[in-house]
């Protein structure tokens, strides 16, 4: 006795329909990101930090550098400026606050908020830095802390925010941008790569081909 086989669903043209896995992949990525976020930010959730050891200024507004210089002078701390103004102006500013070049590092490797942290975090760990004063504009601080507490937290480095008021120059950031960069940070901790760079490498040529048609 033979049993009838259930019909196979097909698409027009006779090809078998494949189950969609996009939703499952997204859920797996989201879960991985959340787990990485919780693990890598353990330095934030369970802080046991020494006094601040360094000032980290995120570039993008010279007012941030001015405030960073004042804080470094006041507290006797070294300062790193990530992606800030040109060297001539920056050195003039910091020297004017009594900070010689040995206490100021101008780092121009960063291209965005994520790389503000990924470009320096391993240097900080090698220097045994465990507590950093983070200086950026008030409208940028939420995203900077989201990214920084994941990336720096993965190396056991805690952050204390020092927000610089931006007044009528403020542009509040959308929560999707904040959490999107947080997910990028978590995936960087897990994989060592920036998801945006990976996507550009993998899909960039295809997008350029589509645009050229």
N, C-alpha and C. Protein backbone atom coordinates (compact mmCIF):
# COMPACT_ATOMS: atom_id res chain seq x y z
N UNK A 1 0.86 -1.18 0.00
CA UNK A 1 0.00 0.00 0.00
C UNK A 1 0.90 1.24 0.00
N UNK A 2 0.64 2.08 -0.93
CA UNK A 2 1.46 3.29 -1.05
C UNK A 2 0.72 4.46 -0.46
N UNK A 3 1.50 5.38 0.11
CA UNK A 3 0.94 6.59 0.71
C UNK A 3 1.17 7.77 -0.21
N UNK A 4 0.18 8.56 -0.34
CA UNK A 4 0.31 9.75 -1.19
C UNK A 4 1.23 10.75 -0.53
N UNK A 5 2.17 11.32 -1.32
CA UNK A 5 3.08 12.31 -0.81
C UNK A 5 2.40 13.67 -0.81
N UNK A 6 2.64 14.47 0.26
CA UNK A 6 2.03 15.80 0.29
C UNK A 6 2.60 16.66 -0.83
N UNK A 7 1.77 17.50 -1.39
CA UNK A 7 2.25 18.33 -2.49
C UNK A 7 3.33 19.30 -1.99
N UNK A 8 4.29 19.61 -2.86
CA UNK A 8 5.35 20.56 -2.55
C UNK A 8 4.98 21.93 -3.06
N UNK A 9 5.06 22.93 -2.17
CA UNK A 9 4.73 24.28 -2.59
C UNK A 9 5.78 24.79 -3.55
N UNK A 10 5.34 25.36 -4.63
CA UNK A 10 6.27 25.89 -5.62
C UNK A 10 5.92 27.32 -5.95
N UNK A 11 6.94 28.03 -6.43
CA UNK A 11 6.73 29.37 -6.93
C UNK A 11 6.41 29.28 -8.41
N UNK A 12 5.90 30.34 -8.99
CA UNK A 12 5.70 30.34 -10.44
C UNK A 12 7.01 30.03 -11.15
N UNK A 13 6.95 29.12 -12.13
CA UNK A 13 8.15 28.69 -12.81
C UNK A 13 8.65 27.36 -12.29
N UNK A 14 7.97 26.79 -11.26
CA UNK A 14 8.29 25.46 -10.81
C UNK A 14 9.35 25.36 -9.75
N UNK A 15 9.88 26.48 -9.23
CA UNK A 15 10.91 26.39 -8.19
C UNK A 15 10.29 26.22 -6.82
N UNK A 16 10.94 25.43 -5.99
CA UNK A 16 10.43 25.20 -4.64
C UNK A 16 10.55 26.45 -3.81
N UNK A 17 9.59 26.69 -2.98
CA UNK A 17 9.60 27.83 -2.08
C UNK A 17 10.43 27.50 -0.86
N UNK A 18 11.37 28.35 -0.60
CA UNK A 18 12.24 28.14 0.56
C UNK A 18 11.69 28.89 1.77
N UNK A 19 11.79 28.28 2.92
CA UNK A 19 11.30 28.99 4.12
C UNK A 19 12.12 30.24 4.36
N UNK A 20 11.45 31.26 4.78
CA UNK A 20 12.13 32.52 5.05
C UNK A 20 12.85 32.45 6.39
N UNK A 21 14.12 32.83 6.35
CA UNK A 21 14.92 32.78 7.57
C UNK A 21 15.36 34.16 8.04
N UNK A 22 14.92 35.19 7.30
CA UNK A 22 15.38 36.53 7.64
C UNK A 22 14.96 36.93 9.06
N UNK A 23 13.68 36.63 9.42
CA UNK A 23 13.21 36.98 10.75
C UNK A 23 13.98 36.27 11.83
N UNK A 24 14.28 34.99 11.62
CA UNK A 24 15.03 34.23 12.61
C UNK A 24 16.44 34.78 12.75
N UNK A 25 17.08 35.13 11.64
CA UNK A 25 18.43 35.69 11.68
C UNK A 25 18.46 36.99 12.46
N UNK A 26 17.45 37.82 12.23
CA UNK A 26 17.39 39.09 12.95
C UNK A 26 17.24 38.87 14.45
N UNK A 27 16.41 37.90 14.83
CA UNK A 27 16.22 37.62 16.25
C UNK A 27 17.51 37.11 16.89
N UNK A 28 18.25 36.26 16.16
CA UNK A 28 19.51 35.73 16.68
C UNK A 28 20.52 36.86 16.86
N UNK A 29 20.61 37.76 15.86
CA UNK A 29 21.53 38.89 15.95
C UNK A 29 21.16 39.80 17.12
N UNK A 30 19.86 40.04 17.29
CA UNK A 30 19.42 40.91 18.38
C UNK A 30 19.76 40.28 19.72
N UNK A 31 19.50 38.97 19.86
CA UNK A 31 19.81 38.29 21.11
C UNK A 31 21.30 38.32 21.38
N UNK A 32 22.10 38.06 20.35
CA UNK A 32 23.55 38.09 20.52
C UNK A 32 24.02 39.48 20.93
N UNK A 33 23.43 40.50 20.30
CA UNK A 33 23.81 41.86 20.65
C UNK A 33 23.46 42.20 22.08
N UNK A 34 22.28 41.80 22.54
CA UNK A 34 21.86 42.09 23.91
C UNK A 34 22.73 41.36 24.92
N UNK A 35 23.06 40.09 24.62
CA UNK A 35 23.93 39.34 25.52
C UNK A 35 25.32 39.95 25.59
N UNK A 36 25.83 40.36 24.42
CA UNK A 36 27.14 40.99 24.39
C UNK A 36 27.12 42.32 25.13
N UNK A 37 26.01 43.05 24.98
CA UNK A 37 25.88 44.33 25.68
C UNK A 37 25.91 44.14 27.19
N UNK A 38 25.16 43.14 27.67
CA UNK A 38 25.12 42.89 29.11
C UNK A 38 26.48 42.44 29.63
N UNK A 39 27.16 41.57 28.86
CA UNK A 39 28.45 41.06 29.32
C UNK A 39 29.52 42.13 29.28
N UNK A 40 29.61 42.85 28.14
CA UNK A 40 30.72 43.78 27.94
C UNK A 40 30.59 45.03 28.78
N UNK A 41 29.38 45.36 29.23
CA UNK A 41 29.22 46.57 30.04
C UNK A 41 29.24 46.26 31.54
N UNK A 42 29.83 45.12 31.91
CA UNK A 42 29.85 44.73 33.31
C UNK A 42 30.58 45.74 34.18
N UNK A 43 31.56 46.46 33.57
CA UNK A 43 32.29 47.46 34.36
C UNK A 43 31.38 48.60 34.77
N UNK A 44 30.32 48.84 33.98
CA UNK A 44 29.37 49.88 34.33
C UNK A 44 28.40 49.41 35.40
N UNK A 45 27.92 48.18 35.25
CA UNK A 45 26.91 47.68 36.18
C UNK A 45 27.51 47.33 37.54
N UNK A 46 28.77 46.92 37.57
CA UNK A 46 29.41 46.55 38.83
C UNK A 46 30.71 47.35 39.00
N UNK A 47 30.56 48.66 39.18
CA UNK A 47 31.77 49.49 39.21
C UNK A 47 32.55 49.36 40.51
N UNK A 48 33.84 49.29 40.36
CA UNK A 48 34.76 49.39 41.49
C UNK A 48 35.97 50.11 40.94
N UNK A 49 35.85 51.42 40.82
CA UNK A 49 36.79 52.20 40.04
C UNK A 49 37.70 53.06 40.91
N UNK A 50 38.93 53.27 40.44
CA UNK A 50 39.79 54.24 41.10
C UNK A 50 39.34 55.65 40.72
N UNK A 51 39.96 56.69 41.27
CA UNK A 51 39.65 58.05 40.81
C UNK A 51 39.95 58.19 39.32
N UNK A 52 39.35 59.17 38.66
CA UNK A 52 39.60 59.35 37.22
C UNK A 52 41.09 59.46 36.91
N UNK A 53 41.50 58.82 35.83
CA UNK A 53 42.92 58.77 35.47
C UNK A 53 43.23 59.50 34.17
N UNK A 54 42.19 59.84 33.39
CA UNK A 54 42.42 60.42 32.07
C UNK A 54 41.14 61.11 31.61
N UNK A 55 41.31 62.13 30.77
CA UNK A 55 40.18 62.81 30.13
C UNK A 55 40.16 62.41 28.66
N UNK A 56 39.01 61.91 28.20
CA UNK A 56 38.83 61.57 26.79
C UNK A 56 37.83 62.54 26.18
N UNK A 57 38.29 63.32 25.21
CA UNK A 57 37.43 64.29 24.54
C UNK A 57 37.09 63.76 23.15
N UNK A 58 35.80 63.70 22.84
CA UNK A 58 35.36 63.28 21.51
C UNK A 58 35.26 64.50 20.62
N UNK A 59 35.94 64.46 19.48
CA UNK A 59 35.97 65.60 18.57
C UNK A 59 34.61 65.86 17.94
N UNK A 60 34.50 67.02 17.30
CA UNK A 60 33.25 67.40 16.66
C UNK A 60 32.83 68.81 16.99
N UNK A 61 33.41 69.38 18.05
CA UNK A 61 33.09 70.74 18.47
C UNK A 61 34.26 71.22 19.32
N UNK A 62 34.84 72.37 18.95
CA UNK A 62 36.02 72.84 19.69
C UNK A 62 35.67 73.20 21.14
N UNK A 63 34.38 73.44 21.42
CA UNK A 63 33.99 73.72 22.81
C UNK A 63 34.26 72.51 23.69
N UNK A 64 34.13 71.32 23.14
CA UNK A 64 34.44 70.12 23.90
C UNK A 64 35.92 70.11 24.29
N UNK A 65 36.77 70.51 23.36
CA UNK A 65 38.21 70.53 23.64
C UNK A 65 38.54 71.58 24.70
N UNK A 66 37.86 72.72 24.65
CA UNK A 66 38.10 73.76 25.66
C UNK A 66 37.74 73.26 27.05
N UNK A 67 36.57 72.61 27.16
CA UNK A 67 36.16 72.07 28.45
C UNK A 67 37.10 70.95 28.90
N UNK A 68 37.49 70.09 27.96
CA UNK A 68 38.43 69.02 28.30
C UNK A 68 39.74 69.56 28.83
N UNK A 69 40.23 70.66 28.21
CA UNK A 69 41.47 71.28 28.68
C UNK A 69 41.32 71.82 30.09
N UNK A 70 40.20 72.45 30.37
CA UNK A 70 39.97 73.01 31.71
C UNK A 70 39.90 71.90 32.77
N UNK A 71 39.22 70.81 32.43
CA UNK A 71 39.10 69.69 33.38
C UNK A 71 40.46 69.04 33.62
N UNK A 72 41.22 68.84 32.54
CA UNK A 72 42.54 68.22 32.68
C UNK A 72 43.46 69.10 33.52
N UNK A 73 43.39 70.41 33.31
CA UNK A 73 44.21 71.33 34.11
C UNK A 73 43.78 71.32 35.57
N UNK A 74 42.49 71.34 35.80
CA UNK A 74 41.95 71.38 37.17
C UNK A 74 42.32 70.13 37.95
N UNK A 75 42.20 68.96 37.30
CA UNK A 75 42.39 67.68 38.01
C UNK A 75 43.79 67.10 37.83
N UNK A 76 44.65 67.77 37.06
CA UNK A 76 46.00 67.27 36.86
C UNK A 76 46.06 65.97 36.08
N UNK A 77 45.21 65.84 35.06
CA UNK A 77 45.11 64.60 34.32
C UNK A 77 45.63 64.77 32.89
N UNK A 78 46.10 63.67 32.29
CA UNK A 78 46.39 63.71 30.86
C UNK A 78 45.09 63.68 30.07
N UNK A 79 45.17 64.05 28.78
CA UNK A 79 43.97 64.13 27.96
C UNK A 79 44.23 63.55 26.58
N UNK A 80 43.23 62.81 26.07
CA UNK A 80 43.24 62.34 24.69
C UNK A 80 42.07 63.01 23.97
N UNK A 81 42.36 63.59 22.80
CA UNK A 81 41.32 64.13 21.94
C UNK A 81 41.19 63.20 20.73
N UNK A 82 40.02 62.59 20.58
CA UNK A 82 39.80 61.64 19.50
C UNK A 82 39.03 62.32 18.37
N UNK A 83 39.70 62.49 17.22
CA UNK A 83 39.05 63.07 16.06
C UNK A 83 38.70 64.54 16.23
N UNK A 84 39.58 65.30 16.84
CA UNK A 84 39.28 66.70 17.14
C UNK A 84 39.75 67.67 16.07
N UNK A 85 40.01 68.91 16.49
CA UNK A 85 40.40 69.98 15.56
C UNK A 85 41.83 69.77 15.08
N UNK A 86 42.28 70.65 14.17
CA UNK A 86 43.61 70.49 13.59
C UNK A 86 44.68 70.65 14.67
N UNK A 87 45.84 70.03 14.47
CA UNK A 87 46.87 70.02 15.52
C UNK A 87 47.33 71.41 15.95
N UNK A 88 47.43 72.34 15.00
CA UNK A 88 47.92 73.68 15.34
C UNK A 88 46.99 74.35 16.36
N UNK A 89 45.68 74.28 16.08
CA UNK A 89 44.72 74.91 16.98
C UNK A 89 44.69 74.17 18.32
N UNK A 90 44.66 72.84 18.27
CA UNK A 90 44.55 72.06 19.50
C UNK A 90 45.75 72.30 20.42
N UNK A 91 46.95 72.29 19.87
CA UNK A 91 48.13 72.53 20.71
C UNK A 91 48.11 73.95 21.29
N UNK A 92 47.69 74.92 20.49
CA UNK A 92 47.58 76.29 21.00
C UNK A 92 46.60 76.36 22.17
N UNK A 93 45.45 75.65 22.01
CA UNK A 93 44.43 75.67 23.06
C UNK A 93 44.94 75.03 24.34
N UNK A 94 45.53 73.86 24.25
CA UNK A 94 45.96 73.15 25.45
C UNK A 94 47.17 73.81 26.11
N UNK A 95 48.09 74.30 25.30
CA UNK A 95 49.23 75.00 25.89
C UNK A 95 48.77 76.26 26.62
N UNK A 96 47.73 76.91 26.08
CA UNK A 96 47.20 78.09 26.73
C UNK A 96 46.57 77.78 28.08
N UNK A 97 46.22 76.52 28.33
CA UNK A 97 45.67 76.10 29.62
C UNK A 97 46.74 75.47 30.51
N UNK A 98 48.00 75.63 30.11
CA UNK A 98 49.09 75.13 30.94
C UNK A 98 49.39 73.66 30.76
N UNK A 99 48.90 73.04 29.68
CA UNK A 99 49.14 71.61 29.44
C UNK A 99 50.18 71.46 28.35
N UNK A 100 51.34 70.92 28.70
CA UNK A 100 52.36 70.74 27.67
C UNK A 100 52.04 69.51 26.84
N UNK A 101 52.80 69.34 25.75
CA UNK A 101 52.49 68.28 24.79
C UNK A 101 52.59 66.88 25.38
N UNK A 102 53.37 66.72 26.45
CA UNK A 102 53.51 65.40 27.05
C UNK A 102 52.24 64.93 27.73
N UNK A 103 51.32 65.85 28.03
CA UNK A 103 50.05 65.49 28.69
C UNK A 103 48.88 65.43 27.72
N UNK A 104 49.12 65.71 26.44
CA UNK A 104 48.03 65.78 25.47
C UNK A 104 48.34 64.86 24.29
N UNK A 105 47.40 63.98 23.98
CA UNK A 105 47.52 63.12 22.80
C UNK A 105 46.39 63.46 21.85
N UNK A 106 46.75 63.84 20.63
CA UNK A 106 45.77 64.12 19.58
C UNK A 106 45.70 62.89 18.68
N UNK A 107 44.57 62.23 18.67
CA UNK A 107 44.41 60.98 17.93
C UNK A 107 43.38 61.20 16.82
N UNK A 108 43.79 60.93 15.57
CA UNK A 108 42.92 61.21 14.43
C UNK A 108 42.48 59.94 13.70
N UNK A 109 42.52 58.81 14.38
CA UNK A 109 42.11 57.57 13.73
C UNK A 109 40.60 57.41 13.63
N UNK A 110 39.86 58.06 14.50
CA UNK A 110 38.40 57.85 14.55
C UNK A 110 37.70 58.55 13.40
N UNK A 111 36.63 57.91 12.93
CA UNK A 111 35.79 58.49 11.88
C UNK A 111 34.34 58.65 12.34
N UNK A 112 33.98 58.06 13.47
CA UNK A 112 32.63 58.17 14.01
C UNK A 112 32.67 57.84 15.50
N UNK A 113 31.48 57.79 16.12
CA UNK A 113 31.43 57.58 17.57
C UNK A 113 31.98 56.21 17.97
N UNK A 114 31.66 55.17 17.21
CA UNK A 114 32.18 53.85 17.55
C UNK A 114 33.70 53.85 17.51
N UNK A 115 34.29 54.36 16.44
CA UNK A 115 35.75 54.33 16.34
C UNK A 115 36.42 55.32 17.28
N UNK A 116 35.68 56.31 17.82
CA UNK A 116 36.23 57.12 18.91
C UNK A 116 36.73 56.24 20.04
N UNK A 117 36.03 55.14 20.28
CA UNK A 117 36.38 54.24 21.38
C UNK A 117 37.23 53.06 20.91
N UNK A 118 36.87 52.45 19.81
CA UNK A 118 37.61 51.26 19.38
C UNK A 118 39.05 51.58 19.01
N UNK A 119 39.32 52.82 18.59
CA UNK A 119 40.68 53.18 18.19
C UNK A 119 41.62 53.37 19.38
N UNK A 120 41.07 53.64 20.56
CA UNK A 120 41.94 53.94 21.71
C UNK A 120 41.80 52.96 22.87
N UNK A 121 40.75 52.14 22.87
CA UNK A 121 40.45 51.37 24.09
C UNK A 121 41.55 50.39 24.45
N UNK A 122 42.16 49.75 23.47
CA UNK A 122 43.22 48.80 23.81
C UNK A 122 44.48 49.52 24.27
N UNK A 123 44.73 50.71 23.74
CA UNK A 123 45.84 51.52 24.25
C UNK A 123 45.62 51.88 25.72
N UNK A 124 44.38 52.23 26.05
CA UNK A 124 44.06 52.57 27.43
C UNK A 124 44.24 51.37 28.35
N UNK A 125 43.81 50.22 27.88
CA UNK A 125 43.97 49.02 28.71
C UNK A 125 45.44 48.71 28.95
N UNK A 126 46.28 48.84 27.91
CA UNK A 126 47.71 48.58 28.08
C UNK A 126 48.34 49.57 29.06
N UNK A 127 47.79 50.79 29.08
CA UNK A 127 48.30 51.80 30.00
C UNK A 127 47.71 51.66 31.40
N UNK A 128 46.89 50.61 31.61
CA UNK A 128 46.26 50.32 32.90
C UNK A 128 45.30 51.44 33.34
N UNK A 129 44.64 52.05 32.36
CA UNK A 129 43.61 53.04 32.64
C UNK A 129 42.29 52.32 32.93
N UNK A 130 41.67 52.64 34.05
CA UNK A 130 40.42 51.97 34.41
C UNK A 130 39.26 52.94 34.60
N UNK A 131 39.54 54.24 34.63
CA UNK A 131 38.47 55.21 34.86
C UNK A 131 38.76 56.46 34.02
N UNK A 132 37.82 56.79 33.13
CA UNK A 132 38.00 57.87 32.17
C UNK A 132 36.87 58.88 32.33
N UNK A 133 37.22 60.17 32.30
CA UNK A 133 36.22 61.24 32.21
C UNK A 133 35.91 61.48 30.74
N UNK A 134 34.66 61.29 30.36
CA UNK A 134 34.26 61.39 28.96
C UNK A 134 33.64 62.76 28.70
N UNK A 135 34.23 63.51 27.76
CA UNK A 135 33.75 64.85 27.43
C UNK A 135 33.20 64.86 26.02
N UNK A 136 31.92 65.22 25.89
CA UNK A 136 31.29 65.44 24.59
C UNK A 136 30.08 66.34 24.79
N UNK A 137 29.45 66.74 23.71
CA UNK A 137 28.30 67.64 23.80
C UNK A 137 27.11 66.93 24.43
N UNK A 138 26.24 67.71 25.06
CA UNK A 138 25.11 67.12 25.77
C UNK A 138 24.18 66.35 24.84
N UNK A 139 24.01 66.79 23.59
CA UNK A 139 23.11 66.09 22.68
C UNK A 139 23.75 64.82 22.11
N UNK A 140 25.04 64.64 22.31
CA UNK A 140 25.75 63.46 21.82
C UNK A 140 26.05 62.46 22.93
N UNK A 141 25.83 62.87 24.18
CA UNK A 141 26.29 62.08 25.31
C UNK A 141 25.58 60.74 25.41
N UNK A 142 24.27 60.67 25.16
CA UNK A 142 23.56 59.39 25.29
C UNK A 142 24.17 58.33 24.37
N UNK A 143 24.41 58.70 23.13
CA UNK A 143 24.97 57.73 22.19
C UNK A 143 26.42 57.41 22.54
N UNK A 144 27.17 58.43 22.94
CA UNK A 144 28.57 58.19 23.32
C UNK A 144 28.66 57.24 24.51
N UNK A 145 27.79 57.42 25.50
CA UNK A 145 27.80 56.53 26.66
C UNK A 145 27.34 55.13 26.29
N UNK A 146 26.34 55.03 25.42
CA UNK A 146 25.88 53.70 24.99
C UNK A 146 27.03 52.93 24.35
N UNK A 147 27.72 53.57 23.43
CA UNK A 147 28.84 52.92 22.74
C UNK A 147 30.02 52.73 23.68
N UNK A 148 30.37 53.78 24.42
CA UNK A 148 31.55 53.72 25.26
C UNK A 148 31.46 52.72 26.38
N UNK A 149 30.28 52.60 26.99
CA UNK A 149 30.15 51.66 28.09
C UNK A 149 30.20 50.22 27.62
N UNK A 150 29.85 49.98 26.36
CA UNK A 150 30.00 48.64 25.80
C UNK A 150 31.46 48.37 25.46
N UNK A 151 32.07 49.27 24.67
CA UNK A 151 33.44 49.04 24.20
C UNK A 151 34.44 49.14 25.34
N UNK A 152 34.41 50.24 26.09
CA UNK A 152 35.34 50.39 27.20
C UNK A 152 35.04 49.40 28.32
N UNK A 153 33.76 49.14 28.57
CA UNK A 153 33.38 48.17 29.59
C UNK A 153 33.92 46.79 29.30
N UNK A 154 34.05 46.44 28.02
CA UNK A 154 34.58 45.12 27.68
C UNK A 154 36.05 44.99 28.06
N UNK A 155 36.70 46.11 28.30
CA UNK A 155 38.10 46.10 28.72
C UNK A 155 38.26 46.48 30.19
N UNK A 156 37.13 46.52 30.91
CA UNK A 156 37.17 46.83 32.34
C UNK A 156 37.40 48.30 32.63
N UNK A 157 37.04 49.17 31.69
CA UNK A 157 37.25 50.61 31.85
C UNK A 157 35.91 51.29 32.07
N UNK A 158 35.78 52.05 33.13
CA UNK A 158 34.55 52.77 33.42
C UNK A 158 34.61 54.20 32.91
N UNK A 159 33.44 54.76 32.63
CA UNK A 159 33.33 56.12 32.10
C UNK A 159 32.47 56.97 33.02
N UNK A 160 32.92 58.19 33.25
CA UNK A 160 32.11 59.19 33.94
C UNK A 160 31.84 60.33 32.96
N UNK A 161 30.56 60.64 32.68
CA UNK A 161 30.26 61.65 31.65
C UNK A 161 30.44 63.07 32.16
N UNK A 162 30.96 63.93 31.27
CA UNK A 162 31.02 65.37 31.49
C UNK A 162 30.42 66.02 30.24
N UNK A 163 29.14 66.32 30.30
CA UNK A 163 28.42 66.83 29.12
C UNK A 163 28.68 68.32 28.96
N UNK A 164 28.98 68.73 27.73
CA UNK A 164 29.21 70.13 27.41
C UNK A 164 27.91 70.71 26.86
N UNK A 165 27.32 71.72 27.51
CA UNK A 165 26.07 72.30 27.00
C UNK A 165 26.23 72.81 25.57
N UNK A 166 25.22 72.56 24.76
CA UNK A 166 25.29 73.01 23.37
C UNK A 166 24.23 74.04 23.03
N UNK A 167 23.33 74.37 23.99
CA UNK A 167 22.36 75.45 23.80
C UNK A 167 21.52 75.29 22.55
N UNK A 168 21.43 76.36 21.76
CA UNK A 168 20.61 76.31 20.55
C UNK A 168 21.29 75.58 19.41
N UNK A 169 22.50 75.07 19.66
CA UNK A 169 23.19 74.25 18.65
C UNK A 169 22.91 72.76 18.84
N UNK A 170 22.09 72.42 19.82
CA UNK A 170 21.78 71.02 20.09
C UNK A 170 20.87 70.43 19.01
N UNK A 171 21.16 69.18 18.66
CA UNK A 171 20.31 68.40 17.75
C UNK A 171 20.07 67.04 18.41
N UNK A 172 18.99 66.90 19.18
CA UNK A 172 18.72 65.63 19.87
C UNK A 172 18.73 64.45 18.89
N UNK A 173 19.38 63.36 19.32
CA UNK A 173 19.54 62.21 18.44
C UNK A 173 18.39 61.22 18.62
N UNK A 174 17.97 60.64 17.51
CA UNK A 174 16.89 59.66 17.52
C UNK A 174 17.33 58.41 18.28
N UNK A 175 16.40 57.79 19.00
CA UNK A 175 16.74 56.61 19.80
C UNK A 175 17.25 55.47 18.93
N UNK A 176 16.76 55.42 17.66
CA UNK A 176 17.23 54.34 16.77
C UNK A 176 18.70 54.48 16.45
N UNK A 177 19.18 55.72 16.35
CA UNK A 177 20.60 55.94 16.11
C UNK A 177 21.41 55.55 17.34
N UNK A 178 20.88 55.88 18.52
CA UNK A 178 21.57 55.53 19.77
C UNK A 178 21.69 54.02 19.91
N UNK A 179 20.58 53.31 19.77
CA UNK A 179 20.59 51.86 19.95
C UNK A 179 21.26 51.15 18.77
N UNK A 180 21.17 51.75 17.58
CA UNK A 180 21.87 51.16 16.43
C UNK A 180 23.37 51.16 16.64
N UNK A 181 23.91 52.27 17.15
CA UNK A 181 25.34 52.30 17.43
C UNK A 181 25.69 51.40 18.62
N UNK A 182 24.74 51.27 19.57
CA UNK A 182 24.97 50.33 20.67
C UNK A 182 25.10 48.90 20.19
N UNK A 183 24.26 48.52 19.21
CA UNK A 183 24.34 47.18 18.64
C UNK A 183 25.64 47.00 17.87
N UNK A 184 26.03 48.02 17.12
CA UNK A 184 27.33 47.95 16.41
C UNK A 184 28.47 47.74 17.40
N UNK A 185 28.40 48.45 18.53
CA UNK A 185 29.44 48.31 19.55
C UNK A 185 29.48 46.90 20.12
N UNK A 186 28.30 46.34 20.41
CA UNK A 186 28.24 44.99 20.96
C UNK A 186 28.79 43.96 19.98
N UNK A 187 28.46 44.12 18.71
CA UNK A 187 28.96 43.19 17.70
C UNK A 187 30.46 43.36 17.50
N UNK A 188 30.97 44.58 17.68
CA UNK A 188 32.42 44.78 17.60
C UNK A 188 33.11 44.02 18.74
N UNK A 189 32.54 44.08 19.93
CA UNK A 189 33.13 43.37 21.06
C UNK A 189 33.16 41.87 20.79
N UNK A 190 32.10 41.34 20.19
CA UNK A 190 32.01 39.91 19.93
C UNK A 190 32.92 39.49 18.78
N UNK A 191 32.93 40.28 17.70
CA UNK A 191 33.61 39.86 16.46
C UNK A 191 34.91 40.58 16.18
N UNK A 192 35.12 41.74 16.82
CA UNK A 192 36.30 42.53 16.50
C UNK A 192 36.17 43.34 15.24
N UNK A 193 34.95 43.37 14.66
CA UNK A 193 34.72 44.10 13.41
C UNK A 193 33.53 45.02 13.55
N UNK A 194 33.56 46.10 12.77
CA UNK A 194 32.42 47.02 12.72
C UNK A 194 31.43 46.48 11.70
N UNK A 195 30.18 46.30 12.13
CA UNK A 195 29.15 45.77 11.25
C UNK A 195 28.99 46.64 10.01
N UNK A 196 29.12 47.95 10.15
CA UNK A 196 28.96 48.84 9.01
C UNK A 196 30.05 48.60 7.97
N UNK A 197 31.30 48.42 8.44
CA UNK A 197 32.40 48.15 7.51
C UNK A 197 32.20 46.80 6.83
N UNK A 198 31.74 45.82 7.60
CA UNK A 198 31.49 44.49 7.03
C UNK A 198 30.44 44.56 5.94
N UNK A 199 29.35 45.29 6.20
CA UNK A 199 28.28 45.41 5.21
C UNK A 199 28.77 46.13 3.96
N UNK A 200 29.61 47.15 4.16
CA UNK A 200 30.13 47.90 3.01
C UNK A 200 31.01 47.01 2.15
N UNK A 201 31.84 46.16 2.79
CA UNK A 201 32.71 45.26 2.04
C UNK A 201 31.91 44.22 1.29
N UNK A 202 30.85 43.73 1.93
CA UNK A 202 30.10 42.62 1.34
C UNK A 202 29.11 43.08 0.28
N UNK A 203 28.42 44.19 0.57
CA UNK A 203 27.34 44.61 -0.30
C UNK A 203 27.64 45.88 -1.09
N UNK A 204 28.77 46.54 -0.77
CA UNK A 204 29.10 47.78 -1.48
C UNK A 204 29.18 47.62 -2.98
N UNK A 205 29.95 46.64 -3.49
CA UNK A 205 30.04 46.48 -4.94
C UNK A 205 28.68 46.19 -5.59
N UNK A 206 27.83 45.42 -4.89
CA UNK A 206 26.52 45.12 -5.45
C UNK A 206 25.68 46.39 -5.54
N UNK A 207 25.72 47.22 -4.50
CA UNK A 207 24.95 48.45 -4.52
C UNK A 207 25.45 49.39 -5.62
N UNK A 208 26.76 49.45 -5.79
CA UNK A 208 27.30 50.30 -6.84
C UNK A 208 26.87 49.80 -8.22
N UNK A 209 26.81 48.48 -8.38
CA UNK A 209 26.37 47.90 -9.66
C UNK A 209 24.91 48.25 -9.93
N UNK A 210 24.06 48.17 -8.87
CA UNK A 210 22.65 48.48 -9.03
C UNK A 210 22.48 49.95 -9.39
N UNK A 211 23.23 50.83 -8.73
CA UNK A 211 23.12 52.26 -9.02
C UNK A 211 23.54 52.58 -10.44
N UNK A 212 24.51 51.80 -10.96
CA UNK A 212 25.03 52.08 -12.29
C UNK A 212 24.12 51.63 -13.41
N UNK A 213 23.10 50.86 -13.08
CA UNK A 213 22.19 50.35 -14.13
C UNK A 213 21.20 51.42 -14.57
